[in-house]
Amino acid sequence: MIQATIGERFQVVIPSSIRRQIKLRPRSKVLVDVEGDTVVLRPLKSVAALRGIGRDLREPGDATDYVRRLRKEWEHRL
């Protein structure tokens, strides 16, 4: 484990080795959670990274319904 310090404004600097490991950049979004007495940070994928087929799966809902909608769209294109 790597030690970090909480500043006066409750900010924590994530060490560079960890930032590189999980590919964090300035202004990256992270999810913050508490598991017991542990604070957990998880990188949040940007919407731009979810381009292409399947991008709508990031929205809540049933994947089966999504596939059915795609198939109907594809039928109209043929």
Protein backbone atom coordinates (compact mmCIF):
# COMPACT_ATOMS: atom_id res chain seq x y z
CA MET A 1 0.00 0.00 0.00
CA ILE A 2 1.03 3.57 -0.67
CA GLN A 3 0.44 6.32 1.87
CA ALA A 4 -1.31 9.59 0.97
CA THR A 5 -2.27 12.62 3.08
CA ILE A 6 -5.63 14.35 3.40
CA GLY A 7 -5.24 18.12 3.00
CA GLU A 8 -7.02 20.97 4.80
CA ARG A 9 -9.85 20.89 2.23
CA PHE A 10 -10.15 17.08 2.50
CA GLN A 11 -8.40 16.55 -0.84
CA VAL A 12 -6.22 13.50 -1.41
CA VAL A 13 -3.52 13.30 -4.07
CA ILE A 14 -3.55 9.91 -5.76
CA PRO A 15 0.08 8.77 -6.16
CA SER A 16 1.36 8.80 -9.74
CA SER A 17 2.04 5.04 -9.83
CA ILE A 18 -1.63 4.36 -9.08
CA ARG A 19 -2.84 7.05 -11.52
CA ARG A 20 -0.81 5.41 -14.30
CA GLN A 21 -1.99 1.92 -13.35
CA ILE A 22 -5.69 2.81 -13.69
CA LYS A 23 -5.15 5.48 -16.39
CA LEU A 24 -6.48 8.50 -14.51
CA ARG A 25 -6.08 11.92 -16.10
CA PRO A 26 -6.83 15.41 -14.76
CA ARG A 27 -10.60 15.88 -14.41
CA SER A 28 -11.23 12.12 -14.58
CA LYS A 29 -14.41 11.05 -12.80
CA VAL A 30 -14.31 8.44 -10.06
CA LEU A 31 -16.96 6.66 -8.05
CA VAL A 32 -16.47 6.90 -4.29
CA ASP A 33 -17.80 4.15 -2.04
CA VAL A 34 -17.41 2.95 1.53
CA GLU A 35 -16.89 -0.73 2.27
CA GLY A 36 -16.77 -1.22 6.02
CA ASP A 37 -14.12 1.24 7.22
CA THR A 38 -12.47 1.51 3.77
CA VAL A 39 -12.92 4.26 1.17
CA VAL A 40 -12.91 2.83 -2.36
CA LEU A 41 -12.33 4.89 -5.52
CA ARG A 42 -13.26 3.37 -8.87
CA PRO A 43 -12.56 5.06 -12.21
CA LEU A 44 -15.70 6.00 -14.10
CA LYS A 45 -15.51 5.36 -17.84
CA SER A 46 -16.31 8.38 -19.95
CA VAL A 47 -19.34 8.34 -22.22
CA ALA A 48 -17.00 8.89 -25.18
CA ALA A 49 -15.40 5.53 -24.42
CA LEU A 50 -18.78 3.86 -24.90
CA ARG A 51 -19.19 4.64 -28.60
CA GLY A 52 -20.46 2.15 -31.16
CA ILE A 53 -22.69 -0.86 -31.01
CA GLY A 54 -23.82 -1.61 -27.48
CA ARG A 55 -23.34 1.95 -26.22
CA ASP A 56 -26.97 2.08 -25.07
CA LEU A 57 -26.34 -0.80 -22.67
CA ARG A 58 -24.89 1.73 -20.20
CA GLU A 59 -28.48 2.88 -19.59
CA PRO A 60 -30.56 0.93 -17.08
CA GLY A 61 -32.74 -1.71 -18.67
CA ASP A 62 -32.87 -5.19 -20.04
CA ALA A 63 -30.17 -6.22 -22.52
CA THR A 64 -32.67 -8.55 -24.24
CA ASP A 65 -34.95 -5.62 -25.07
CA TYR A 66 -31.95 -3.71 -26.40
CA VAL A 67 -31.03 -6.58 -28.74
CA ARG A 68 -34.63 -6.83 -29.98
CA ARG A 69 -34.65 -3.10 -30.80
CA LEU A 70 -31.35 -3.44 -32.67
CA ARG A 71 -32.66 -6.36 -34.72
CA LYS A 72 -35.74 -4.35 -35.73
CA GLU A 73 -33.52 -1.46 -36.80
CA TRP A 74 -31.35 -3.83 -38.83
CA GLU A 75 -34.39 -5.37 -40.54
CA HIS A 76 -35.47 -1.92 -41.75
CA ARG A 77 -32.01 -1.28 -43.20
CA LEU A 78 -32.07 -4.44 -45.36
